[in-house]
Amino acid sequence: EDPAEVARVLLENQGQWTPASWREADGTWICDGSHSFRNPENHFAL
């Protein structure tokens, strides 16, 4: 019924992960998400 409100709520909550901060490191975009394969600090990172 209210796509703008649903969009706002979806962007505020963003599913099952807490929003991560993204940055570029040596031309590669990585994040600080504790469950992300794209966080090089995680032991399971790609």
All heavy atoms as atom14 arrays in JSON, in Angstrom:
{
  "sequence": "EDPAEVARVLLENQGQWTPASWREADGTWICDGSHSFRNPENHFAL",
  "atom14_mask": [
    [1, 1, 1, 1, 1, 1, 1, 1, 1, 0, 0, 0, 0, 0],
    [1, 1, 1, 1, 1, 1, 1, 1, 0, 0, 0, 0, 0, 0],
    [1, 1, 1, 1, 1, 1, 1, 0, 0, 0, 0, 0, 0, 0],
    [1, 1, 1, 1, 1, 0, 0, 0, 0, 0, 0, 0, 0, 0],
    [1, 1, 1, 1, 1, 1, 1, 1, 1, 0, 0, 0, 0, 0],
    [1, 1, 1, 1, 1, 1, 1, 0, 0, 0, 0, 0, 0, 0],
    [1, 1, 1, 1, 1, 0, 0, 0, 0, 0, 0, 0, 0, 0],
    [1, 1, 1, 1, 1, 1, 1, 1, 1, 1, 1, 0, 0, 0],
    [1, 1, 1, 1, 1, 1, 1, 0, 0, 0, 0, 0, 0, 0],
    [1, 1, 1, 1, 1, 1, 1, 1, 0, 0, 0, 0, 0, 0],
    [1, 1, 1, 1, 1, 1, 1, 1, 0, 0, 0, 0, 0, 0],
    [1, 1, 1, 1, 1, 1, 1, 1, 1, 0, 0, 0, 0, 0],
    [1, 1, 1, 1, 1, 1, 1, 1, 0, 0, 0, 0, 0, 0],
    [1, 1, 1, 1, 1, 1, 1, 1, 1, 0, 0, 0, 0, 0],
    [1, 1, 1, 1, 0, 0, 0, 0, 0, 0, 0, 0, 0, 0],
    [1, 1, 1, 1, 1, 1, 1, 1, 1, 0, 0, 0, 0, 0],
    [1, 1, 1, 1, 1, 1, 1, 1, 1, 1, 1, 1, 1, 1],
    [1, 1, 1, 1, 1, 1, 1, 0, 0, 0, 0, 0, 0, 0],
    [1, 1, 1, 1, 1, 1, 1, 0, 0, 0, 0, 0, 0, 0],
    [1, 1, 1, 1, 1, 0, 0, 0, 0, 0, 0, 0, 0, 0],
    [1, 1, 1, 1, 1, 1, 0, 0, 0, 0, 0, 0, 0, 0],
    [1, 1, 1, 1, 1, 1, 1, 1, 1, 1, 1, 1, 1, 1],
    [1, 1, 1, 1, 1, 1, 1, 1, 1, 1, 1, 0, 0, 0],
    [1, 1, 1, 1, 1, 1, 1, 1, 1, 0, 0, 0, 0, 0],
    [1, 1, 1, 1, 1, 0, 0, 0, 0, 0, 0, 0, 0, 0],
    [1, 1, 1, 1, 1, 1, 1, 1, 0, 0, 0, 0, 0, 0],
    [1, 1, 1, 1, 0, 0, 0, 0, 0, 0, 0, 0, 0, 0],
    [1, 1, 1, 1, 1, 1, 1, 0, 0, 0, 0, 0, 0, 0],
    [1, 1, 1, 1, 1, 1, 1, 1, 1, 1, 1, 1, 1, 1],
    [1, 1, 1, 1, 1, 1, 1, 1, 0, 0, 0, 0, 0, 0],
    [1, 1, 1, 1, 1, 1, 0, 0, 0, 0, 0, 0, 0, 0],
    [1, 1, 1, 1, 1, 1, 1, 1, 0, 0, 0, 0, 0, 0],
    [1, 1, 1, 1, 0, 0, 0, 0, 0, 0, 0, 0, 0, 0],
    [1, 1, 1, 1, 1, 1, 0, 0, 0, 0, 0, 0, 0, 0],
    [1, 1, 1, 1, 1, 1, 1, 1, 1, 1, 0, 0, 0, 0],
    [1, 1, 1, 1, 1, 1, 0, 0, 0, 0, 0, 0, 0, 0],
    [1, 1, 1, 1, 1, 1, 1, 1, 1, 1, 1, 0, 0, 0],
    [1, 1, 1, 1, 1, 1, 1, 1, 1, 1, 1, 0, 0, 0],
    [1, 1, 1, 1, 1, 1, 1, 1, 0, 0, 0, 0, 0, 0],
    [1, 1, 1, 1, 1, 1, 1, 0, 0, 0, 0, 0, 0, 0],
    [1, 1, 1, 1, 1, 1, 1, 1, 1, 0, 0, 0, 0, 0],
    [1, 1, 1, 1, 1, 1, 1, 1, 0, 0, 0, 0, 0, 0],
    [1, 1, 1, 1, 1, 1, 1, 1, 1, 1, 0, 0, 0, 0],
    [1, 1, 1, 1, 1, 1, 1, 1, 1, 1, 1, 0, 0, 0],
    [1, 1, 1, 1, 1, 0, 0, 0, 0, 0, 0, 0, 0, 0],
    [1, 1, 1, 1, 1, 1, 1, 1, 0, 0, 0, 0, 0, 0]
  ],
  "atom14_positions": [
    [[0.81, -1.22, 0.0], [0.0, 0.0, 0.0], [0.84, 1.27, 0.0], [0.44, 2.27, -0.58], [-0.95, -0.01, 1.2], [-2.04, -1.04, 1.07], [-3.0, -0.99, 2.24], [-3.1, 0.05, 2.91], [-3.65, -2.02, 2.47], [0.0, 0.0, 0.0], [0.0, 0.0, 0.0], [0.0, 0.0, 0.0], [0.0, 0.0, 0.0], [0.0, 0.0, 0.0]],
    [[1.97, 1.24, 0.68], [2.79, 2.45, 0.79], [4.25, 2.1, 0.46], [5.06, 1.87, 1.35], [2.68, 3.02, 2.21], [3.34, 4.38, 2.35], [4.05, 4.82, 1.42], [3.14, 5.01, 3.41], [0.0, 0.0, 0.0], [0.0, 0.0, 0.0], [0.0, 0.0, 0.0], [0.0, 0.0, 0.0], [0.0, 0.0, 0.0], [0.0, 0.0, 0.0]],
    [[4.58, 2.05, -0.84], [5.93, 1.64, -1.23], [7.03, 2.51, -0.62], [8.1, 2.0, -0.28], [5.93, 1.78, -2.75], [4.5, 1.78, -3.15], [3.73, 2.32, -1.99], [0.0, 0.0, 0.0], [0.0, 0.0, 0.0], [0.0, 0.0, 0.0], [0.0, 0.0, 0.0], [0.0, 0.0, 0.0], [0.0, 0.0, 0.0], [0.0, 0.0, 0.0]],
    [[6.78, 3.8, -0.46], [7.8, 4.68, 0.12], [8.1, 4.3, 1.56], [9.26, 4.27, 1.98], [7.36, 6.13, 0.01], [0.0, 0.0, 0.0], [0.0, 0.0, 0.0], [0.0, 0.0, 0.0], [0.0, 0.0, 0.0], [0.0, 0.0, 0.0], [0.0, 0.0, 0.0], [0.0, 0.0, 0.0], [0.0, 0.0, 0.0], [0.0, 0.0, 0.0]],
    [[7.06, 3.98, 2.32], [7.25, 3.58, 3.72], [7.94, 2.22, 3.8], [8.85, 2.02, 4.61], [5.91, 3.55, 4.46], [6.01, 3.08, 5.88], [6.82, 3.97, 6.81], [7.16, 5.12, 6.42], [7.15, 3.53, 7.92], [0.0, 0.0, 0.0], [0.0, 0.0, 0.0], [0.0, 0.0, 0.0], [0.0, 0.0, 0.0], [0.0, 0.0, 0.0]],
    [[7.53, 1.3, 2.96], [8.17, -0.03, 2.96], [9.64, 0.11, 2.58], [10.51, -0.51, 3.19], [7.43, -1.0, 2.02], [8.2, -2.3, 1.86], [6.02, -1.27, 2.56], [0.0, 0.0, 0.0], [0.0, 0.0, 0.0], [0.0, 0.0, 0.0], [0.0, 0.0, 0.0], [0.0, 0.0, 0.0], [0.0, 0.0, 0.0], [0.0, 0.0, 0.0]],
    [[9.94, 0.93, 1.59], [11.34, 1.15, 1.19], [12.15, 1.73, 2.35], [13.27, 1.29, 2.61], [11.4, 2.08, -0.02], [0.0, 0.0, 0.0], [0.0, 0.0, 0.0], [0.0, 0.0, 0.0], [0.0, 0.0, 0.0], [0.0, 0.0, 0.0], [0.0, 0.0, 0.0], [0.0, 0.0, 0.0], [0.0, 0.0, 0.0], [0.0, 0.0, 0.0]],
    [[11.57, 2.7, 3.05], [12.26, 3.31, 4.19], [12.57, 2.26, 5.26], [13.69, 2.17, 5.76], [11.41, 4.44, 4.78], [12.11, 5.18, 5.92], [11.15, 6.12, 6.64], [10.09, 5.41, 7.32], [10.22, 4.75, 8.47], [11.4, 4.65, 9.06], [9.18, 4.16, 9.04], [0.0, 0.0, 0.0], [0.0, 0.0, 0.0], [0.0, 0.0, 0.0]],
    [[11.58, 1.44, 5.59], [11.77, 0.4, 6.61], [12.8, -0.63, 6.15], [13.68, -1.03, 6.93], [10.42, -0.28, 6.95], [10.62, -1.51, 7.81], [9.5, 0.72, 7.63], [0.0, 0.0, 0.0], [0.0, 0.0, 0.0], [0.0, 0.0, 0.0], [0.0, 0.0, 0.0], [0.0, 0.0, 0.0], [0.0, 0.0, 0.0], [0.0, 0.0, 0.0]],
    [[12.72, -1.05, 4.9], [13.69, -2.02, 4.39], [15.12, -1.48, 4.45], [16.05, -2.19, 4.83], [13.35, -2.42, 2.95], [12.15, -3.34, 2.77], [11.8, -3.47, 1.3], [12.42, -4.71, 3.39], [0.0, 0.0, 0.0], [0.0, 0.0, 0.0], [0.0, 0.0, 0.0], [0.0, 0.0, 0.0], [0.0, 0.0, 0.0], [0.0, 0.0, 0.0]],
    [[15.29, -0.23, 4.08], [16.64, 0.35, 4.09], [17.15, 0.58, 5.51], [18.35, 0.47, 5.77], [16.66, 1.66, 3.3], [16.55, 1.46, 1.79], [16.26, 2.78, 1.09], [17.82, 0.82, 1.24], [0.0, 0.0, 0.0], [0.0, 0.0, 0.0], [0.0, 0.0, 0.0], [0.0, 0.0, 0.0], [0.0, 0.0, 0.0], [0.0, 0.0, 0.0]],
    [[16.25, 0.87, 6.44], [16.67, 1.05, 7.83], [17.08, -0.27, 8.46], [18.01, -0.32, 9.26], [15.53, 1.66, 8.66], [15.39, 3.13, 8.49], [14.26, 3.7, 9.34], [13.68, 2.97, 10.18], [13.95, 4.89, 9.16], [0.0, 0.0, 0.0], [0.0, 0.0, 0.0], [0.0, 0.0, 0.0], [0.0, 0.0, 0.0], [0.0, 0.0, 0.0]],
    [[16.39, -1.36, 8.12], [16.64, -2.65, 8.77], [17.58, -3.56, 7.99], [18.29, -4.35, 8.58], [15.31, -3.35, 9.04], [14.49, -2.56, 10.03], [14.94, -2.26, 11.12], [13.29, -2.19, 9.62], [0.0, 0.0, 0.0], [0.0, 0.0, 0.0], [0.0, 0.0, 0.0], [0.0, 0.0, 0.0], [0.0, 0.0, 0.0], [0.0, 0.0, 0.0]],
    [[17.54, -3.53, 6.69], [18.44, -4.27, 5.81], [18.62, -5.74, 6.18], [19.72, -6.27, 6.22], [19.8, -3.59, 5.72], [19.73, -2.24, 5.05], [21.08, -1.61, 4.85], [22.09, -2.28, 4.78], [21.09, -0.3, 4.78], [0.0, 0.0, 0.0], [0.0, 0.0, 0.0], [0.0, 0.0, 0.0], [0.0, 0.0, 0.0], [0.0, 0.0, 0.0]],
    [[17.56, -6.42, 6.43], [17.61, -7.86, 6.57], [18.31, -8.37, 7.81], [18.27, -7.76, 8.86], [0.0, 0.0, 0.0], [0.0, 0.0, 0.0], [0.0, 0.0, 0.0], [0.0, 0.0, 0.0], [0.0, 0.0, 0.0], [0.0, 0.0, 0.0], [0.0, 0.0, 0.0], [0.0, 0.0, 0.0], [0.0, 0.0, 0.0], [0.0, 0.0, 0.0]],
    [[19.0, -9.48, 7.67], [19.53, -10.18, 8.83], [20.89, -9.68, 9.32], [21.34, -10.09, 10.37], [19.58, -11.68, 8.54], [20.44, -12.05, 7.37], [20.32, -13.52, 7.04], [19.99, -14.32, 7.9], [20.58, -13.89, 5.81], [0.0, 0.0, 0.0], [0.0, 0.0, 0.0], [0.0, 0.0, 0.0], [0.0, 0.0, 0.0], [0.0, 0.0, 0.0]],
    [[21.55, -8.84, 8.54], [22.86, -8.34, 8.97], [22.73, -6.89, 9.38], [21.9, -6.15, 8.88], [23.88, -8.43, 7.84], [23.97, -9.79, 7.29], [24.48, -10.89, 7.92], [23.53, -10.24, 6.02], [24.38, -11.99, 7.11], [23.8, -11.61, 5.93], [22.93, -9.61, 4.94], [23.5, -12.37, 4.82], [22.62, -10.37, 3.83], [22.91, -11.73, 3.78]],
    [[23.61, -6.49, 10.26], [23.69, -5.07, 10.56], [24.38, -4.4, 9.37], [25.24, -5.01, 8.72], [24.49, -4.81, 11.85], [25.78, -5.4, 11.71], [23.78, -5.41, 13.06], [0.0, 0.0, 0.0], [0.0, 0.0, 0.0], [0.0, 0.0, 0.0], [0.0, 0.0, 0.0], [0.0, 0.0, 0.0], [0.0, 0.0, 0.0], [0.0, 0.0, 0.0]],
    [[24.0, -3.17, 9.06], [24.65, -2.49, 7.94], [26.16, -2.4, 8.15], [26.63, -2.13, 9.26], [24.01, -1.11, 7.95], [22.68, -1.31, 8.58], [22.92, -2.38, 9.63], [0.0, 0.0, 0.0], [0.0, 0.0, 0.0], [0.0, 0.0, 0.0], [0.0, 0.0, 0.0], [0.0, 0.0, 0.0], [0.0, 0.0, 0.0], [0.0, 0.0, 0.0]],
    [[26.89, -2.65, 7.11], [28.35, -2.64, 7.17], [28.89, -1.37, 6.53], [28.24, -0.74, 5.71], [28.9, -3.85, 6.41], [0.0, 0.0, 0.0], [0.0, 0.0, 0.0], [0.0, 0.0, 0.0], [0.0, 0.0, 0.0], [0.0, 0.0, 0.0], [0.0, 0.0, 0.0], [0.0, 0.0, 0.0], [0.0, 0.0, 0.0], [0.0, 0.0, 0.0]],
    [[30.08, -1.03, 6.93], [30.79, 0.08, 6.29], [31.67, -0.5, 5.2], [32.35, -1.51, 5.41], [31.65, 0.83, 7.31], [30.83, 1.44, 8.28], [0.0, 0.0, 0.0], [0.0, 0.0, 0.0], [0.0, 0.0, 0.0], [0.0, 0.0, 0.0], [0.0, 0.0, 0.0], [0.0, 0.0, 0.0], [0.0, 0.0, 0.0], [0.0, 0.0, 0.0]],
    [[31.64, 0.12, 4.04], [32.41, -0.33, 2.88], [33.53, 0.66, 2.61], [33.37, 1.86, 2.79], [31.49, -0.43, 1.66], [30.49, -1.53, 1.79], [29.28, -1.46, 2.43], [30.62, -2.85, 1.3], [28.66, -2.67, 2.36], [29.45, -3.55, 1.67], [31.6, -3.53, 0.59], [29.24, -4.88, 1.34], [31.38, -4.85, 0.26], [30.21, -5.51, 0.65]],
    [[34.66, 0.12, 2.15], [35.8, 0.98, 1.78], [36.6, 0.27, 0.7], [36.53, -0.95, 0.54], [36.67, 1.29, 2.98], [37.35, 0.09, 3.59], [38.15, 0.46, 4.84], [38.62, -0.71, 5.53], [39.7, -1.39, 5.21], [40.46, -1.02, 4.21], [40.07, -2.46, 5.9], [0.0, 0.0, 0.0], [0.0, 0.0, 0.0], [0.0, 0.0, 0.0]],
    [[37.37, 1.07, 0.01], [38.24, 0.52, -1.03], [39.63, 0.3, -0.45], [40.18, 1.18, 0.22], [38.31, 1.47, -2.23], [39.02, 0.88, -3.4], [38.98, 1.78, -4.62], [38.43, 2.88, -4.54], [39.52, 1.36, -5.65], [0.0, 0.0, 0.0], [0.0, 0.0, 0.0], [0.0, 0.0, 0.0], [0.0, 0.0, 0.0], [0.0, 0.0, 0.0]],
    [[40.18, -0.87, -0.69], [41.53, -1.19, -0.25], [42.25, -1.84, -1.43], [41.87, -2.92, -1.88], [41.51, -2.13, 0.95], [0.0, 0.0, 0.0], [0.0, 0.0, 0.0], [0.0, 0.0, 0.0], [0.0, 0.0, 0.0], [0.0, 0.0, 0.0], [0.0, 0.0, 0.0], [0.0, 0.0, 0.0], [0.0, 0.0, 0.0], [0.0, 0.0, 0.0]],
    [[43.24, -1.17, -1.95], [44.02, -1.68, -3.08], [43.13, -2.01, -4.28], [43.29, -3.05, -4.93], [44.85, -2.9, -2.69], [45.85, -2.59, -1.58], [46.44, -1.5, -1.62], [46.02, -3.44, -0.69], [0.0, 0.0, 0.0], [0.0, 0.0, 0.0], [0.0, 0.0, 0.0], [0.0, 0.0, 0.0], [0.0, 0.0, 0.0], [0.0, 0.0, 0.0]],
    [[42.14, -1.16, -4.54], [41.26, -1.35, -5.69], [40.15, -2.36, -5.49], [39.42, -2.66, -6.42], [0.0, 0.0, 0.0], [0.0, 0.0, 0.0], [0.0, 0.0, 0.0], [0.0, 0.0, 0.0], [0.0, 0.0, 0.0], [0.0, 0.0, 0.0], [0.0, 0.0, 0.0], [0.0, 0.0, 0.0], [0.0, 0.0, 0.0], [0.0, 0.0, 0.0]],
    [[40.03, -2.89, -4.29], [39.0, -3.89, -3.97], [38.06, -3.33, -2.92], [38.52, -2.77, -1.91], [39.65, -5.18, -3.45], [40.5, -5.7, -4.47], [38.63, -6.21, -3.07], [0.0, 0.0, 0.0], [0.0, 0.0, 0.0], [0.0, 0.0, 0.0], [0.0, 0.0, 0.0], [0.0, 0.0, 0.0], [0.0, 0.0, 0.0], [0.0, 0.0, 0.0]],
    [[36.75, -3.49, -3.14], [35.77, -3.04, -2.16], [35.56, -4.14, -1.13], [35.25, -5.28, -1.47], [34.46, -2.65, -2.83], [34.61, -1.29, -3.42], [34.99, -1.0, -4.69], [34.44, -0.05, -2.75], [35.07, 0.36, -4.86], [34.73, 0.97, -3.68], [34.06, 0.31, -1.46], [34.65, 2.33, -3.36], [33.98, 1.66, -1.14], [34.27, 2.64, -2.08]],
    [[35.77, -3.77, 0.14], [35.61, -4.69, 1.25], [34.71, -4.04, 2.3], [34.48, -2.83, 2.28], [36.97, -5.08, 1.87], [37.7, -3.83, 2.37], [37.82, -5.84, 0.86], [38.96, -4.13, 3.17], [0.0, 0.0, 0.0], [0.0, 0.0, 0.0], [0.0, 0.0, 0.0], [0.0, 0.0, 0.0], [0.0, 0.0, 0.0], [0.0, 0.0, 0.0]],
    [[34.22, -4.88, 3.21], [33.37, -4.33, 4.26], [33.83, -4.83, 5.63], [34.68, -5.71, 5.72], [31.91, -4.69, 4.02], [31.5, -6.42, 4.31], [0.0, 0.0, 0.0], [0.0, 0.0, 0.0], [0.0, 0.0, 0.0], [0.0, 0.0, 0.0], [0.0, 0.0, 0.0], [0.0, 0.0, 0.0], [0.0, 0.0, 0.0], [0.0, 0.0, 0.0]],
    [[33.22, -4.27, 6.66], [33.57, -4.67, 8.01], [32.53, -5.6, 8.63], [32.52, -5.82, 9.84], [33.8, -3.45, 8.91], [32.55, -2.58, 9.05], [31.48, -2.93, 8.52], [32.65, -1.53, 9.72], [0.0, 0.0, 0.0], [0.0, 0.0, 0.0], [0.0, 0.0, 0.0], [0.0, 0.0, 0.0], [0.0, 0.0, 0.0], [0.0, 0.0, 0.0]],
    [[31.66, -6.18, 7.8], [30.64, -7.09, 8.31], [31.25, -8.32, 8.95], [32.09, -9.0, 8.35], [0.0, 0.0, 0.0], [0.0, 0.0, 0.0], [0.0, 0.0, 0.0], [0.0, 0.0, 0.0], [0.0, 0.0, 0.0], [0.0, 0.0, 0.0], [0.0, 0.0, 0.0], [0.0, 0.0, 0.0], [0.0, 0.0, 0.0], [0.0, 0.0, 0.0]],
    [[30.8, -8.64, 10.15], [31.41, -9.75, 10.88], [31.05, -11.12, 10.29], [31.69, -12.12, 10.63], [30.99, -9.71, 12.36], [29.59, -9.81, 12.49], [0.0, 0.0, 0.0], [0.0, 0.0, 0.0], [0.0, 0.0, 0.0], [0.0, 0.0, 0.0], [0.0, 0.0, 0.0], [0.0, 0.0, 0.0], [0.0, 0.0, 0.0], [0.0, 0.0, 0.0]],
    [[30.07, -11.17, 9.39], [29.7, -12.43, 8.77], [29.9, -12.41, 7.25], [29.36, -13.25, 6.55], [28.24, -12.78, 9.06], [27.95, -12.95, 10.52], [28.77, -13.62, 11.38], [26.91, -12.53, 11.27], [28.26, -13.61, 12.59], [27.13, -12.96, 12.55], [0.0, 0.0, 0.0], [0.0, 0.0, 0.0], [0.0, 0.0, 0.0], [0.0, 0.0, 0.0]],
    [[30.67, -11.44, 6.76], [30.81, -11.26, 5.32], [32.07, -11.95, 4.78], [33.15, -11.82, 5.35], [30.87, -9.78, 4.97], [31.04, -9.61, 3.57], [0.0, 0.0, 0.0], [0.0, 0.0, 0.0], [0.0, 0.0, 0.0], [0.0, 0.0, 0.0], [0.0, 0.0, 0.0], [0.0, 0.0, 0.0], [0.0, 0.0, 0.0], [0.0, 0.0, 0.0]],
    [[31.88, -12.62, 3.66], [33.02, -13.19, 2.95], [33.9, -12.09, 2.37], [35.03, -12.35, 1.95], [32.55, -14.1, 1.81], [31.95, -15.39, 2.27], [30.59, -15.61, 2.17], [32.74, -16.39, 2.81], [30.03, -16.8, 2.59], [32.19, -17.58, 3.25], [30.83, -17.79, 3.14], [0.0, 0.0, 0.0], [0.0, 0.0, 0.0], [0.0, 0.0, 0.0]],
    [[33.38, -10.88, 2.32], [34.13, -9.75, 1.75], [34.84, -8.91, 2.82], [35.31, -7.82, 2.54], [33.19, -8.9, 0.9], [32.7, -9.72, -0.32], [31.81, -8.95, -1.2], [32.52, -7.85, -1.85], [31.9, -6.88, -2.49], [30.59, -6.87, -2.59], [32.6, -5.91, -3.05], [0.0, 0.0, 0.0], [0.0, 0.0, 0.0], [0.0, 0.0, 0.0]],
    [[34.93, -9.43, 4.02], [35.69, -8.78, 5.09], [36.98, -9.57, 5.28], [36.97, -10.67, 5.82], [34.88, -8.77, 6.39], [35.64, -8.14, 7.54], [36.82, -7.86, 7.45], [34.94, -7.91, 8.63], [0.0, 0.0, 0.0], [0.0, 0.0, 0.0], [0.0, 0.0, 0.0], [0.0, 0.0, 0.0], [0.0, 0.0, 0.0], [0.0, 0.0, 0.0]],
    [[38.12, -9.01, 4.82], [39.38, -9.77, 4.9], [39.82, -10.11, 6.32], [40.68, -10.96, 6.51], [40.4, -8.86, 4.21], [39.72, -7.62, 3.86], [38.27, -7.73, 4.19], [0.0, 0.0, 0.0], [0.0, 0.0, 0.0], [0.0, 0.0, 0.0], [0.0, 0.0, 0.0], [0.0, 0.0, 0.0], [0.0, 0.0, 0.0], [0.0, 0.0, 0.0]],
    [[39.21, -9.48, 7.32], [39.56, -9.79, 8.71], [38.92, -11.1, 9.18], [39.35, -11.67, 10.18], [39.1, -8.64, 9.63], [39.74, -7.3, 9.3], [41.24, -7.33, 9.49], [41.72, -7.9, 10.49], [41.95, -6.78, 8.62], [0.0, 0.0, 0.0], [0.0, 0.0, 0.0], [0.0, 0.0, 0.0], [0.0, 0.0, 0.0], [0.0, 0.0, 0.0]],
    [[37.9, -11.57, 8.47], [37.25, -12.83, 8.85], [38.1, -14.02, 8.41], [38.66, -14.02, 7.32], [35.85, -12.92, 8.22], [34.9, -11.91, 8.83], [35.05, -11.51, 9.97], [33.9, -11.51, 8.06], [0.0, 0.0, 0.0], [0.0, 0.0, 0.0], [0.0, 0.0, 0.0], [0.0, 0.0, 0.0], [0.0, 0.0, 0.0], [0.0, 0.0, 0.0]],
    [[38.17, -15.04, 9.24], [38.99, -16.21, 8.91], [38.45, -16.97, 7.69], [39.17, -17.73, 7.07], [39.12, -17.15, 10.12], [37.86, -17.88, 10.47], [36.83, -17.29, 11.16], [37.48, -19.15, 10.2], [35.86, -18.16, 11.3], [36.22, -19.29, 10.74], [0.0, 0.0, 0.0], [0.0, 0.0, 0.0], [0.0, 0.0, 0.0], [0.0, 0.0, 0.0]],
    [[37.2, -16.74, 7.34], [36.58, -17.42, 6.2], [36.46, -16.5, 4.97], [35.8, -16.85, 4.0], [35.18, -17.93, 6.59], [34.33, -16.86, 7.22], [33.64, -15.95, 6.44], [34.24, -16.77, 8.59], [32.86, -14.97, 7.01], [33.46, -15.79, 9.18], [32.76, -14.88, 8.39], [0.0, 0.0, 0.0], [0.0, 0.0, 0.0], [0.0, 0.0, 0.0]],
    [[37.14, -15.36, 5.01], [37.05, -14.4, 3.9], [37.55, -15.02, 2.6], [38.4, -15.91, 2.59], [37.86, -13.16, 4.22], [0.0, 0.0, 0.0], [0.0, 0.0, 0.0], [0.0, 0.0, 0.0], [0.0, 0.0, 0.0], [0.0, 0.0, 0.0], [0.0, 0.0, 0.0], [0.0, 0.0, 0.0], [0.0, 0.0, 0.0], [0.0, 0.0, 0.0]],
    [[37.01, -14.52, 1.51], [37.49, -14.95, 0.2], [38.92, -14.47, -0.02], [39.31, -13.42, 0.5], [36.58, -14.38, -0.89], [35.14, -14.88, -0.89], [34.3, -14.09, -1.88], [35.09, -16.36, -1.2], [0.0, 0.0, 0.0], [0.0, 0.0, 0.0], [0.0, 0.0, 0.0], [0.0, 0.0, 0.0], [0.0, 0.0, 0.0], [0.0, 0.0, 0.0]]
  ]
}
